[in-house]
PDB file of N, CA and C in Angstrom:
ATOM      1  N   MET A   1     -46.922   3.766-239.882  1.00  0.00           N
ATOM      2  CA  MET A   1     -47.098   3.027-241.021  1.00  0.00           C
ATOM      3  C   MET A   1     -47.425   3.560-242.148  1.00  0.00           C
ATOM      4  N   SER A   2     -46.781   2.998-243.149  1.00  0.00           N
ATOM      5  CA  SER A   2     -46.821   3.647-244.700  1.00  0.00           C
ATOM      6  C   SER A   2     -48.353   3.244-245.220  1.00  0.00           C
ATOM      7  N   GLU A   3     -48.994   4.219-245.919  1.00  0.00           N
ATOM      8  CA  GLU A   3     -50.357   4.260-246.387  1.00  0.00           C
ATOM      9  C   GLU A   3     -50.233   2.977-247.591  1.00  0.00           C
ATOM     10  N   ASP A   4     -49.088   2.810-248.166  1.00  0.00           N
ATOM     11  CA  ASP A   4     -49.549   1.600-249.435  1.00  0.00           C
ATOM     12  C   ASP A   4     -49.548   0.353-248.909  1.00  0.00           C
ATOM     13  N   THR A   5     -49.410   0.057-247.683  1.00  0.00           N
ATOM     14  CA  THR A   5     -49.767  -1.319-246.974  1.00  0.00           C
ATOM     15  C   THR A   5     -51.148  -1.593-246.267  1.00  0.00           C
ATOM     16  N   THR A   6     -51.703  -0.637-246.151  1.00  0.00           N
ATOM     17  CA  THR A   6     -53.210  -0.296-245.567  1.00  0.00           C
ATOM     18  C   THR A   6     -53.861  -0.969-246.838  1.00  0.00           C
ATOM     19  N   THR A   7     -54.816  -1.617-246.494  1.00  0.00           N
ATOM     20  CA  THR A   7     -56.114  -1.852-247.385  1.00  0.00           C
ATOM     21  C   THR A   7     -57.624  -1.484-246.603  1.00  0.00           C
ATOM     22  N   GLU A   8     -58.460  -1.147-247.496  1.00  0.00           N
ATOM     23  CA  GLU A   8     -59.777  -0.810-246.837  1.00  0.00           C
ATOM     24  C   GLU A   8     -60.945  -2.008-246.933  1.00  0.00           C
ATOM     25  N   SER A   9     -61.331  -2.193-246.082  1.00  0.00           N
ATOM     26  CA  SER A   9     -62.545  -3.060-246.428  1.00  0.00           C
ATOM     27  C   SER A   9     -63.841  -2.740-245.260  1.00  0.00           C
ATOM     28  N   GLN A  10     -64.937  -3.006-245.473  1.00  0.00           N
ATOM     29  CA  GLN A  10     -65.970  -2.634-244.950  1.00  0.00           C
ATOM     30  C   GLN A  10     -66.041  -3.005-243.128  1.00  0.00           C
ATOM     31  N   GLU A  11     -65.949  -4.256-242.816  1.00  0.00           N
ATOM     32  CA  GLU A  11     -65.546  -4.575-241.639  1.00  0.00           C
ATOM     33  C   GLU A  11     -63.932  -4.220-241.047  1.00  0.00           C
ATOM     34  N   HIS A  12     -63.209  -4.054-241.411  1.00  0.00           N
ATOM     35  CA  HIS A  12     -62.006  -3.635-240.998  1.00  0.00           C
ATOM     36  C   HIS A  12     -61.255  -2.464-241.868  1.00  0.00           C
ATOM     37  N   PRO A  13     -61.314  -1.243-241.228  1.00  0.00           N
ATOM     38  CA  PRO A  13     -61.250  -0.051-241.956  1.00  0.00           C
ATOM     39  C   PRO A  13     -59.677  -0.046-242.369  1.00  0.00           C
ATOM     40  N   LYS A  14     -59.074  -0.486-241.364  1.00  0.00           N
ATOM     41  CA  LYS A  14     -57.156  -0.227-241.297  1.00  0.00           C
ATOM     42  C   LYS A  14     -56.906  -1.818-241.243  1.00  0.00           C
ATOM     43  N   VAL A  15     -56.604  -2.488-242.186  1.00  0.00           N
ATOM     44  CA  VAL A  15     -56.043  -3.707-241.885  1.00  0.00           C
ATOM     45  C   VAL A  15     -54.342  -3.617-242.824  1.00  0.00           C
ATOM     46  N   GLU A  16     -53.581  -4.076-241.985  1.00  0.00           N
ATOM     47  CA  GLU A  16     -52.169  -3.804-242.487  1.00  0.00           C
ATOM     48  C   GLU A  16     -51.482  -5.014-242.478  1.00  0.00           C
ATOM     49  N   THR A  17     -50.622  -5.271-243.164  1.00  0.00           N
ATOM     50  CA  THR A  17     -49.793  -6.322-243.163  1.00  0.00           C
ATOM     51  C   THR A  17     -49.122  -6.951-241.942  1.00  0.00           C
ATOM     52  N   LEU A  18     -49.111  -8.346-241.818  1.00  0.00           N
ATOM     53  CA  LEU A  18     -48.798  -8.823-240.266  1.00  0.00           C
ATOM     54  C   LEU A  18     -47.073  -8.495-240.475  1.00  0.00           C
ATOM     55  N   TYR A  19     -46.332  -8.213-241.540  1.00  0.00           N
ATOM     56  CA  TYR A  19     -44.938  -8.178-241.073  1.00  0.00           C
ATOM     57  C   TYR A  19     -44.611  -6.780-240.234  1.00  0.00           C
ATOM     58  N   HIS A  20     -45.658  -6.142-240.292  1.00  0.00           N
ATOM     59  CA  HIS A  20     -45.293  -4.984-239.756  1.00  0.00           C
ATOM     60  C   HIS A  20     -45.656  -4.963-237.663  1.00  0.00           C
ATOM     61  N   TYR A  21     -45.945  -5.854-237.565  1.00  0.00           N
ATOM     62  CA  TYR A  21     -46.342  -6.747-236.215  1.00  0.00           C
ATOM     63  C   TYR A  21     -45.260  -7.677-235.692  1.00  0.00           C
ATOM     64  N   VAL A  22     -44.145  -7.785-236.356  1.00  0.00           N
ATOM     65  CA  VAL A  22     -43.393  -8.975-235.636  1.00  0.00           C
ATOM     66  C   VAL A  22     -42.236  -8.262-235.700  1.00  0.00           C
ATOM     67  N   TYR A  23     -41.068  -9.030-235.272  1.00  0.00           N
ATOM     68  CA  TYR A  23     -39.596  -8.768-235.138  1.00  0.00           C
ATOM     69  C   TYR A  23     -38.633  -9.711-236.069  1.00  0.00           C
ATOM     70  N   GLY A  24     -38.010  -8.946-237.076  1.00  0.00           N
ATOM     71  CA  GLY A  24     -36.911  -9.998-238.015  1.00  0.00           C
ATOM     72  C   GLY A  24     -37.873 -10.314-239.140  1.00  0.00           C
ATOM     73  N   ALA A  25     -38.879  -9.733-239.703  1.00  0.00           N
ATOM     74  CA  ALA A  25     -39.348  -9.948-240.763  1.00  0.00           C
ATOM     75  C   ALA A  25     -39.991  -8.715-241.602  1.00  0.00           C
ATOM     76  N   ASP A  26     -39.839  -8.890-242.907  1.00  0.00           N
ATOM     77  CA  ASP A  26     -40.372  -7.701-243.937  1.00  0.00           C
ATOM     78  C   ASP A  26     -40.909  -8.668-245.122  1.00  0.00           C
ATOM     79  N   GLU A  27     -40.909  -8.103-246.109  1.00  0.00           N
ATOM     80  CA  GLU A  27     -41.747  -8.867-247.223  1.00  0.00           C
ATOM     81  C   GLU A  27     -40.771 -10.167-247.485  1.00  0.00           C
ATOM     82  N   GLU A  28     -39.170  -9.715-247.363  1.00  0.00           N
ATOM     83  CA  GLU A  28     -38.614 -11.097-247.624  1.00  0.00           C
ATOM     84  C   GLU A  28     -37.486 -11.054-246.193  1.00  0.00           C
ATOM     85  N   PRO A  29     -37.276 -11.750-245.240  1.00  0.00           N
ATOM     86  CA  PRO A  29     -38.057 -12.965-245.237  1.00  0.00           C
ATOM     87  C   PRO A  29     -39.513 -13.057-244.927  1.00  0.00           C
ATOM     88  N   PRO A  30     -40.690 -13.683-245.306  1.00  0.00           N
ATOM     89  CA  PRO A  30     -41.772 -13.159-244.986  1.00  0.00           C
ATOM     90  C   PRO A  30     -42.362 -13.898-243.723  1.00  0.00           C
ATOM     91  N   VAL A  31     -43.443 -13.422-243.102  1.00  0.00           N
ATOM     92  CA  VAL A  31     -43.595 -14.138-241.799  1.00  0.00           C
ATOM     93  C   VAL A  31     -44.489 -15.044-242.044  1.00  0.00           C
ATOM     94  N   GLU A  32     -44.096 -16.306-242.092  1.00  0.00           N
ATOM     95  CA  GLU A  32     -44.915 -17.499-242.261  1.00  0.00           C
ATOM     96  C   GLU A  32     -46.121 -17.789-241.201  1.00  0.00           C
ATOM     97  N   ILE A  33     -47.208 -18.207-241.628  1.00  0.00           N
ATOM     98  CA  ILE A  33     -48.404 -18.441-240.981  1.00  0.00           C
ATOM     99  C   ILE A  33     -49.390 -19.533-241.673  1.00  0.00           C
ATOM    100  N   ASP A  34     -49.459 -20.610-240.694  1.00  0.00           N
ATOM    101  CA  ASP A  34     -50.325 -21.686-241.137  1.00  0.00           C
ATOM    102  C   ASP A  34     -51.380 -22.083-240.056  1.00  0.00           C
ATOM    103  N   VAL A  35     -52.231 -22.426-240.624  1.00  0.00           N
ATOM    104  CA  VAL A  35     -53.618 -22.644-239.817  1.00  0.00           C
ATOM    105  C   VAL A  35     -54.040 -24.058-239.865  1.00  0.00           C
ATOM    106  N   ALA A  36     -54.091 -24.748-238.760  1.00  0.00           N
ATOM    107  CA  ALA A  36     -55.050 -25.948-238.818  1.00  0.00           C
ATOM    108  C   ALA A  36     -56.100 -26.197-237.828  1.00  0.00           C
ATOM    109  N   VAL A  37     -56.825 -26.785-238.494  1.00  0.00           N
ATOM    110  CA  VAL A  37     -58.469 -26.821-237.863  1.00  0.00           C
ATOM    111  C   VAL A  37     -58.716 -29.028-237.391  1.00  0.00           C
ATOM    112  N   ASN A  38     -58.933 -29.092-236.525  1.00  0.00           N
ATOM    113  CA  ASN A  38     -59.436 -30.502-236.542  1.00  0.00           C
ATOM    114  C   ASN A  38     -60.834 -30.882-236.466  1.00  0.00           C
ATOM    115  N   ASP A  39     -61.084 -31.981-236.446  1.00  0.00           N
ATOM    116  CA  ASP A  39     -63.010 -32.195-236.908  1.00  0.00           C
ATOM    117  C   ASP A  39     -63.780 -32.090-235.477  1.00  0.00           C
ATOM    118  N   VAL A  40     -62.990 -31.405-234.634  1.00  0.00           N
ATOM    119  CA  VAL A  40     -63.705 -31.019-233.498  1.00  0.00           C
ATOM    120  C   VAL A  40     -63.670 -29.642-233.080  1.00  0.00           C
ATOM    121  N   GLY A  41     -62.992 -28.857-233.965  1.00  0.00           N
ATOM    122  CA  GLY A  41     -62.749 -27.518-234.077  1.00  0.00           C
ATOM    123  C   GLY A  41     -61.746 -26.916-233.625  1.00  0.00           C
ATOM    124  N   LYS A  42     -60.877 -27.487-232.836  1.00  0.00           N
ATOM    125  CA  LYS A  42     -59.602 -27.146-232.136  1.00  0.00           C
ATOM    126  C   LYS A  42     -58.741 -26.342-233.433  1.00  0.00           C
ATOM    127  N   VAL A  43     -58.414 -25.473-233.140  1.00  0.00           N
ATOM    128  CA  VAL A  43     -57.751 -24.461-234.288  1.00  0.00           C
ATOM    129  C   VAL A  43     -56.239 -24.073-233.700  1.00  0.00           C
ATOM    130  N   VAL A  44     -55.346 -24.119-234.402  1.00  0.00           N
ATOM    131  CA  VAL A  44     -53.986 -23.676-234.097  1.00  0.00           C
ATOM    132  C   VAL A  44     -53.519 -23.009-235.419  1.00  0.00           C
ATOM    133  N   VAL A  45     -52.974 -21.903-234.634  1.00  0.00           N
ATOM    134  CA  VAL A  45     -52.217 -20.925-235.833  1.00  0.00           C
ATOM    135  C   VAL A  45     -50.435 -21.014-235.475  1.00  0.00           C
ATOM    136  N   PHE A  46     -50.025 -21.464-236.468  1.00  0.00           N
ATOM    137  CA  PHE A  46     -48.504 -21.475-236.264  1.00  0.00           C
ATOM    138  C   PHE A  46     -47.817 -20.416-237.009  1.00  0.00           C
ATOM    139  N   HIS A  47     -47.108 -19.783-236.130  1.00  0.00           N
ATOM    140  CA  HIS A  47     -46.130 -18.613-236.563  1.00  0.00           C
ATOM    141  C   HIS A  47     -44.647 -18.670-236.526  1.00  0.00           C
ATOM    142  N   SER A  48     -44.119 -18.237-237.500  1.00  0.00           N
ATOM    143  CA  SER A  48     -42.676 -18.011-237.606  1.00  0.00           C
ATOM    144  C   SER A  48     -41.853 -16.883-236.758  1.00  0.00           C
ATOM    145  N   HIS A  49     -42.493 -15.854-236.429  1.00  0.00           N
ATOM    146  CA  HIS A  49     -41.890 -14.533-235.820  1.00  0.00           C
ATOM    147  C   HIS A  49     -42.751 -14.272-234.523  1.00  0.00           C
ATOM    148  N   VAL A  50     -41.855 -13.780-233.860  1.00  0.00           N
ATOM    149  CA  VAL A  50     -42.119 -13.169-232.350  1.00  0.00           C
ATOM    150  C   VAL A  50     -42.749 -11.706-232.788  1.00  0.00           C
ATOM    151  N   PHE A  51     -44.365 -11.866-232.054  1.00  0.00           N
ATOM    152  CA  PHE A  51     -45.029 -10.132-232.087  1.00  0.00           C
ATOM    153  C   PHE A  51     -44.568  -9.189-231.420  1.00  0.00           C
ATOM    154  N   LYS A  52     -44.547  -8.229-231.971  1.00  0.00           N
ATOM    155  CA  LYS A  52     -44.097  -6.948-231.336  1.00  0.00           C
ATOM    156  C   LYS A  52     -44.951  -6.600-230.467  1.00  0.00           C
ATOM    157  N   LYS A  53     -46.175  -6.441-230.672  1.00  0.00           N
ATOM    158  CA  LYS A  53     -47.231  -6.228-229.480  1.00  0.00           C
ATOM    159  C   LYS A  53     -48.067  -7.657-228.934  1.00  0.00           C
ATOM    160  N   ASP A  54     -48.834  -6.827-228.081  1.00  0.00           N
ATOM    161  CA  ASP A  54     -49.323  -8.202-227.514  1.00  0.00           C
ATOM    162  C   ASP A  54     -50.781  -8.590-227.953  1.00  0.00           C
ATOM    163  N   LEU A  55     -50.620  -9.889-228.454  1.00  0.00           N
ATOM    164  CA  LEU A  55     -51.886 -10.265-229.228  1.00  0.00           C
ATOM    165  C   LEU A  55     -53.017 -10.411-228.458  1.00  0.00           C
ATOM    166  N   GLY A  56     -54.231  -9.813-228.879  1.00  0.00           N
ATOM    167  CA  GLY A  56     -55.549  -9.877-227.759  1.00  0.00           C
ATOM    168  C   GLY A  56     -56.672 -11.050-228.085  1.00  0.00           C
ATOM    169  N   TRP A  57     -56.844 -11.169-229.719  1.00  0.00           N
ATOM    170  CA  TRP A  57     -57.712 -11.964-230.043  1.00  0.00           C
ATOM    171  C   TRP A  57     -57.526 -12.372-231.250  1.00  0.00           C
ATOM    172  N   PHE A  58     -58.431 -13.099-231.937  1.00  0.00           N
ATOM    173  CA  PHE A  58     -58.369 -13.350-233.202  1.00  0.00           C
ATOM    174  C   PHE A  58     -59.964 -13.038-233.714  1.00  0.00           C
ATOM    175  N   GLU A  59     -60.197 -12.631-234.820  1.00  0.00           N
ATOM    176  CA  GLU A  59     -61.527 -12.331-235.569  1.00  0.00           C
ATOM    177  C   GLU A  59     -61.716 -13.495-237.183  1.00  0.00           C
ATOM    178  N   CYS A  60     -62.763 -14.181-237.237  1.00  0.00           N
ATOM    179  CA  CYS A  60     -62.677 -15.066-238.435  1.00  0.00           C
ATOM    180  C   CYS A  60     -63.960 -14.265-239.304  1.00  0.00           C
ATOM    181  N   ASP A  61     -63.735 -13.989-240.211  1.00  0.00           N
ATOM    182  CA  ASP A  61     -64.921 -13.335-241.239  1.00  0.00           C
ATOM    183  C   ASP A  61     -65.562 -14.965-241.847  1.00  0.00           C
ATOM    184  N   LEU A  62     -66.218 -15.548-241.515  1.00  0.00           N
ATOM    185  CA  LEU A  62     -66.856 -16.729-241.966  1.00  0.00           C
ATOM    186  C   LEU A  62     -66.995 -16.622-243.596  1.00  0.00           C
ATOM    187  N   ASP A  63     -67.898 -15.717-243.973  1.00  0.00           N
ATOM    188  CA  ASP A  63     -68.470 -15.148-245.432  1.00  0.00           C
ATOM    189  C   ASP A  63     -67.274 -15.048-246.134  1.00  0.00           C
ATOM    190  N   GLN A  64     -66.382 -14.149-245.736  1.00  0.00           N
ATOM    191  CA  GLN A  64     -65.290 -14.004-246.669  1.00  0.00           C
ATOM    192  C   GLN A  64     -63.973 -15.109-246.550  1.00  0.00           C
ATOM    193  N   GLY A  65     -64.116 -15.873-245.579  1.00  0.00           N
ATOM    194  CA  GLY A  65     -63.070 -16.531-245.528  1.00  0.00           C
ATOM    195  C   GLY A  65     -61.624 -16.190-244.967  1.00  0.00           C
ATOM    196  N   LYS A  66     -61.357 -15.333-244.136  1.00  0.00           N
ATOM    197  CA  LYS A  66     -60.435 -14.215-243.660  1.00  0.00           C
ATOM    198  C   LYS A  66     -60.439 -14.602-242.154  1.00  0.00           C
ATOM    199  N   LEU A  67     -58.948 -14.717-241.870  1.00  0.00           N
ATOM    200  CA  LEU A  67     -58.649 -14.868-240.479  1.00  0.00           C
ATOM    201  C   LEU A  67     -58.050 -13.223-240.001  1.00  0.00           C
ATOM    202  N   PHE A  68     -58.337 -12.914-239.258  1.00  0.00           N
ATOM    203  CA  PHE A  68     -57.466 -11.675-238.611  1.00  0.00           C
ATOM    204  C   PHE A  68     -57.046 -11.675-237.069  1.00  0.00           C
ATOM    205  N   PHE A  69     -56.029 -11.070-237.038  1.00  0.00           N
ATOM    206  CA  PHE A  69     -55.133 -10.857-235.570  1.00  0.00           C
ATOM    207  C   PHE A  69     -55.650  -9.455-234.890  1.00  0.00           C
ATOM    208  N   VAL A  70     -56.198  -9.676-233.985  1.00  0.00           N
ATOM    209  CA  VAL A  70     -56.289  -8.212-233.355  1.00  0.00           C
ATOM    210  C   VAL A  70     -55.338  -8.011-232.092  1.00  0.00           C
ATOM    211  N   PHE A  71     -55.176  -7.306-232.136  1.00  0.00           N
ATOM    212  CA  PHE A  71     -53.650  -6.804-231.048  1.00  0.00           C
ATOM    213  C   PHE A  71     -54.477  -5.812-229.753  1.00  0.00           C
ATOM    214  N   ASP A  72     -53.595  -5.749-228.766  1.00  0.00           N
ATOM    215  CA  ASP A  72     -54.129  -4.989-227.566  1.00  0.00           C
ATOM    216  C   ASP A  72     -54.488  -3.946-228.011  1.00  0.00           C
ATOM    217  N   ASP A  73     -53.997  -3.176-228.695  1.00  0.00           N
ATOM    218  CA  ASP A  73     -53.779  -1.424-229.371  1.00  0.00           C
ATOM    219  C   ASP A  73     -55.062  -1.626-229.956  1.00  0.00           C
ATOM    220  N   GLY A  74     -55.893  -2.239-230.578  1.00  0.00           N
ATOM    221  CA  GLY A  74     -56.686  -2.321-231.488  1.00  0.00           C
ATOM    222  C   GLY A  74     -56.383  -2.682-232.991  1.00  0.00           C
ATOM    223  N   SER A  75     -55.056  -2.636-233.060  1.00  0.00           N
ATOM    224  CA  SER A  75     -54.818  -2.738-234.579  1.00  0.00           C
ATOM    225  C   SER A  75     -55.375  -4.125-234.977  1.00  0.00           C
ATOM    226  N   ILE A  76     -56.102  -4.253-236.383  1.00  0.00           N
ATOM    227  CA  ILE A  76     -56.358  -5.240-236.723  1.00  0.00           C
ATOM    228  C   ILE A  76     -55.523  -5.570-238.296  1.00  0.00           C
ATOM    229  N   VAL A  77     -55.096  -7.033-238.006  1.00  0.00           N
ATOM    230  CA  VAL A  77     -54.232  -7.408-239.371  1.00  0.00           C
ATOM    231  C   VAL A  77     -54.866  -8.643-239.931  1.00  0.00           C
ATOM    232  N   ASP A  78     -54.616  -8.574-241.140  1.00  0.00           N
ATOM    233  CA  ASP A  78     -55.538  -9.879-241.951  1.00  0.00           C
ATOM    234  C   ASP A  78     -54.200 -10.857-241.712  1.00  0.00           C
ATOM    235  N   SER A  79     -54.408 -12.000-241.684  1.00  0.00           N
ATOM    236  CA  SER A  79     -53.433 -13.141-241.495  1.00  0.00           C
ATOM    237  C   SER A  79     -52.790 -13.418-242.954  1.00  0.00           C
ATOM    238  N   ALA A  80     -53.486 -12.973-243.768  1.00  0.00           N
ATOM    239  CA  ALA A  80     -53.321 -13.435-245.285  1.00  0.00           C
ATOM    240  C   ALA A  80     -53.499 -15.079-245.318  1.00  0.00           C
ATOM    241  N   VAL A  81     -54.041 -15.657-244.478  1.00  0.00           N
ATOM    242  CA  VAL A  81     -54.476 -17.097-244.795  1.00  0.00           C
ATOM    243  C   VAL A  81     -55.975 -17.467-245.138  1.00  0.00           C
ATOM    244  N   GLU A  82     -56.043 -18.176-246.041  1.00  0.00           N
ATOM    245  CA  GLU A  82     -57.509 -18.289-246.808  1.00  0.00           C
ATOM    246  C   GLU A  82     -58.293 -19.414-245.917  1.00  0.00           C
ATOM    247  N   VAL A  83     -59.459 -19.113-245.498  1.00  0.00           N
ATOM    248  CA  VAL A  83     -59.833 -20.294-244.580  1.00  0.00           C
ATOM    249  C   VAL A  83     -60.990 -20.812-245.784  1.00  0.00           C
ATOM    250  N   HIS A  84     -60.639 -22.185-245.873  1.00  0.00           N
ATOM    251  CA  HIS A  84     -61.252 -22.895-246.946  1.00  0.00           C
ATOM    252  C   HIS A  84     -62.810 -23.269-246.476  1.00  0.00           C
ATOM    253  N   SER A  85     -63.643 -23.929-247.261  1.00  0.00           N
ATOM    254  CA  SER A  85     -65.068 -24.076-246.558  1.00  0.00           C
ATOM    255  C   SER A  85     -64.718 -25.401-245.574  1.00  0.00           C
ATOM    256  N   MET A  86     -63.993 -26.511-245.637  1.00  0.00           N
ATOM    257  CA  MET A  86     -63.828 -27.256-244.662  1.00  0.00           C
ATOM    258  C   MET A  86     -63.459 -26.940-243.581  1.00  0.00           C
ATOM    259  N   MET A  87     -62.652 -25.886-243.244  1.00  0.00           N
ATOM    260  CA  MET A  87     -62.119 -25.494-242.273  1.00  0.00           C
ATOM    261  C   MET A  87     -62.997 -24.579-241.466  1.00  0.00           C
ATOM    262  N   LYS A  88     -63.842 -23.773-242.532  1.00  0.00           N
ATOM    263  CA  LYS A  88     -64.929 -22.779-241.771  1.00  0.00           C
ATOM    264  C   LYS A  88     -65.993 -23.874-241.072  1.00  0.00           C
ATOM    265  N   LYS A  89     -66.182 -25.083-242.008  1.00  0.00           N
ATOM    266  CA  LYS A  89     -67.083 -25.898-241.200  1.00  0.00           C
ATOM    267  C   LYS A  89     -66.456 -26.250-239.737  1.00  0.00           C
ATOM    268  N   TYR A  90     -65.468 -26.335-239.245  1.00  0.00           N
ATOM    269  CA  TYR A  90     -64.941 -27.170-238.182  1.00  0.00           C
ATOM    270  C   TYR A  90     -64.787 -25.771-237.151  1.00  0.00           C
ATOM    271  N   MET A  91     -64.607 -24.621-237.716  1.00  0.00           N
ATOM    272  CA  MET A  91     -64.135 -23.559-236.956  1.00  0.00           C
ATOM    273  C   MET A  91     -65.474 -22.898-236.447  1.00  0.00           C
ATOM    274  N   GLN A  92     -66.423 -22.846-237.344  1.00  0.00           N
ATOM    275  CA  GLN A  92     -67.653 -22.472-236.834  1.00  0.00           C
ATOM    276  C   GLN A  92     -68.409 -22.431-235.047  1.00  0.00           C
ATOM    277  N   ASN A  93     -67.525 -23.773-234.565  1.00  0.00           N
ATOM    278  CA  ASN A  93     -68.019 -23.493-233.058  1.00  0.00           C
ATOM    279  C   ASN A  93     -66.880 -23.762-232.198  1.00  0.00           C
ATOM    280  N   SER A  94     -65.613 -23.141-232.627  1.00  0.00           N
ATOM    281  CA  SER A  94     -64.722 -22.863-231.959  1.00  0.00           C
ATOM    282  C   SER A  94     -64.656 -21.056-231.130  1.00  0.00           C
ATOM    283  N   HIS A  95     -64.211 -21.185-229.901  1.00  0.00           N
ATOM    284  CA  HIS A  95     -64.141 -20.214-229.389  1.00  0.00           C
ATOM    285  C   HIS A  95     -62.986 -19.685-228.901  1.00  0.00           C
ATOM    286  N   GLN A  96     -61.687 -20.543-229.312  1.00  0.00           N
ATOM    287  CA  GLN A  96     -60.399 -20.115-229.209  1.00  0.00           C
ATOM    288  C   GLN A  96     -59.315 -20.824-230.239  1.00  0.00           C
ATOM    289  N   ILE A  97     -58.252 -20.072-229.902  1.00  0.00           N
ATOM    290  CA  ILE A  97     -57.250 -20.349-230.784  1.00  0.00           C
ATOM    291  C   ILE A  97     -55.885 -20.603-230.135  1.00  0.00           C
ATOM    292  N   LEU A  98     -55.126 -21.519-230.520  1.00  0.00           N
ATOM    293  CA  LEU A  98     -53.470 -21.879-229.621  1.00  0.00           C
ATOM    294  C   LEU A  98     -52.805 -21.615-230.819  1.00  0.00           C
ATOM    295  N   THR A  99     -52.052 -20.412-230.607  1.00  0.00           N
ATOM    296  CA  THR A  99     -50.733 -19.935-231.523  1.00  0.00           C
ATOM    297  C   THR A  99     -49.669 -20.740-231.047  1.00  0.00           C
ATOM    298  N   VAL A 100     -48.918 -21.243-231.913  1.00  0.00           N
ATOM    299  CA  VAL A 100     -47.489 -21.865-232.091  1.00  0.00           C
ATOM    300  C   VAL A 100     -46.398 -20.921-232.311  1.00  0.00           C
ATOM    301  N   LEU A 101     -45.582 -20.876-231.659  1.00  0.00           N
ATOM    302  CA  LEU A 101     -44.461 -20.099-232.416  1.00  0.00           C
ATOM    303  C   LEU A 101     -43.236 -21.171-232.777  1.00  0.00           C
ATOM    304  N   LEU A 102     -43.063 -21.217-233.767  1.00  0.00           N
ATOM    305  CA  LEU A 102     -42.052 -22.195-234.209  1.00  0.00           C
ATOM    306  C   LEU A 102     -40.654 -21.654-234.357  1.00  0.00           C
ATOM    307  N   ASP A 103     -39.482 -22.789-234.026  1.00  0.00           N
ATOM    308  CA  ASP A 103     -38.244 -22.181-234.171  1.00  0.00           C
ATOM    309  C   ASP A 103     -38.208 -21.914-235.741  1.00  0.00           C
ATOM    310  N   GLN A 104     -37.210 -21.005-236.163  1.00  0.00           N
ATOM    311  CA  GLN A 104     -37.273 -20.819-237.724  1.00  0.00           C
ATOM    312  C   GLN A 104     -36.213 -21.850-238.332  1.00  0.00           C
ATOM    313  N   GLU A 105     -35.312 -22.275-237.077  1.00  0.00           N
ATOM    314  CA  GLU A 105     -34.132 -23.025-237.936  1.00  0.00           C
ATOM    315  C   GLU A 105     -34.555 -24.519-237.919  1.00  0.00           C
ATOM    316  N   THR A 106     -35.256 -25.062-236.901  1.00  0.00           N
ATOM    317  CA  THR A 106     -35.479 -26.314-236.683  1.00  0.00           C
ATOM    318  C   THR A 106     -37.121 -26.554-236.752  1.00  0.00           C
ATOM    319  N   GLY A 107     -37.910 -25.649-236.996  1.00  0.00           N
ATOM    320  CA  GLY A 107     -39.118 -26.079-237.340  1.00  0.00           C
ATOM    321  C   GLY A 107     -40.027 -26.560-235.869  1.00  0.00           C
ATOM    322  N   GLU A 108     -39.220 -26.749-234.764  1.00  0.00           N
ATOM    323  CA  GLU A 108     -39.634 -26.919-233.674  1.00  0.00           C
ATOM    324  C   GLU A 108     -40.832 -26.383-233.088  1.00  0.00           C
ATOM    325  N   SER A 109     -41.676 -26.590-231.924  1.00  0.00           N
ATOM    326  CA  SER A 109     -42.352 -25.490-231.538  1.00  0.00           C
ATOM    327  C   SER A 109     -41.662 -25.145-230.391  1.00  0.00           C
ATOM    328  N   LYS A 110     -41.833 -23.511-229.995  1.00  0.00           N
ATOM    329  CA  LYS A 110     -40.965 -23.047-228.775  1.00  0.00           C
ATOM    330  C   LYS A 110     -41.993 -22.668-227.943  1.00  0.00           C
ATOM    331  N   GLU A 111     -43.244 -21.685-228.062  1.00  0.00           N
ATOM    332  CA  GLU A 111     -44.022 -21.637-227.060  1.00  0.00           C
ATOM    333  C   GLU A 111     -45.690 -21.886-227.628  1.00  0.00           C
ATOM    334  N   GLY A 112     -46.506 -21.658-226.893  1.00  0.00           N
ATOM    335  CA  GLY A 112     -47.824 -21.816-227.380  1.00  0.00           C
ATOM    336  C   GLY A 112     -48.570 -21.026-226.285  1.00  0.00           C
ATOM    337  N   HIS A 113     -49.907 -20.206-227.033  1.00  0.00           N
ATOM    338  CA  HIS A 113     -50.672 -19.400-226.047  1.00  0.00           C
ATOM    339  C   HIS A 113     -52.291 -19.746-226.633  1.00  0.00           C
ATOM    340  N   TYR A 114     -53.151 -19.541-225.721  1.00  0.00           N
ATOM    341  CA  TYR A 114     -54.376 -19.516-226.123  1.00  0.00           C
ATOM    342  C   TYR A 114     -55.104 -18.000-226.340  1.00  0.00           C
ATOM    343  N   PHE A 115     -55.689 -18.017-227.216  1.00  0.00           N
ATOM    344  CA  PHE A 115     -56.461 -16.422-227.504  1.00  0.00           C
ATOM    345  C   PHE A 115     -57.900 -16.702-227.924  1.00  0.00           C
ATOM    346  N   PRO A 116     -58.588 -15.866-227.696  1.00  0.00           N
ATOM    347  CA  PRO A 116     -60.207 -15.721-227.848  1.00  0.00           C
ATOM    348  C   PRO A 116     -60.169 -15.602-229.617  1.00  0.00           C
ATOM    349  N   LEU A 117     -61.219 -16.304-229.851  1.00  0.00           N
ATOM    350  CA  LEU A 117     -61.623 -16.272-231.179  1.00  0.00           C
ATOM    351  C   LEU A 117     -63.105 -15.829-231.439  1.00  0.00           C
ATOM    352  N   ILE A 118     -63.298 -14.679-232.268  1.00  0.00           N
ATOM    353  CA  ILE A 118     -64.705 -14.035-232.471  1.00  0.00           C
ATOM    354  C   ILE A 118     -65.119 -14.415-233.851  1.00  0.00           C
ATOM    355  N   LEU A 119     -66.135 -14.955-234.161  1.00  0.00           N
ATOM    356  CA  LEU A 119     -66.591 -15.658-235.391  1.00  0.00           C
ATOM    357  C   LEU A 119     -67.702 -14.495-235.938  1.00  0.00           C
ATOM    358  N   HIS A 120     -67.507 -14.048-237.329  1.00  0.00           N
ATOM    359  CA  HIS A 120     -68.713 -13.275-237.974  1.00  0.00           C
ATOM    360  C   HIS A 120     -69.076 -14.103-239.073  1.00  0.00           C
ATOM    361  N   LYS A 121     -70.424 -13.749-239.310  1.00  0.00           N
ATOM    362  CA  LYS A 121     -71.150 -14.567-240.230  1.00  0.00           C
ATOM    363  C   LYS A 121     -72.604 -13.816-240.497  1.00  0.00           C
ATOM    364  N   ALA A 122     -72.496 -13.490-241.614  1.00  0.00           N
ATOM    365  CA  ALA A 122     -74.101 -12.820-242.076  1.00  0.00           C
ATOM    366  C   ALA A 122     -74.903 -13.363-241.835  1.00  0.00           C
TER     367      ALA A 122
END
């Protein structure tokens, strides 16, 4: 991984760009990620590309409003999705996230999997 795509943060010292972790994407075409949360705390992450590595879990920093993908090898990747205050309100009691891979041509869901969600709040 090149150093120019790594950012530094206190909680996650090596946070990389998600396109390094999926097949068939770079900065153009980008990896498309969308997050939906309903009023009972069900969280869904829609994504446009297949992951190269096994996803282990998600972490959400509620104070910073950031959602991170954590892979089984320990890699931590910022989703680049801002978790807004209304989303935080409903996510704070969530314990898992459903990921849904979308077909890039049709937008139809292809497959879905549940992963644990770890929440951080100061």
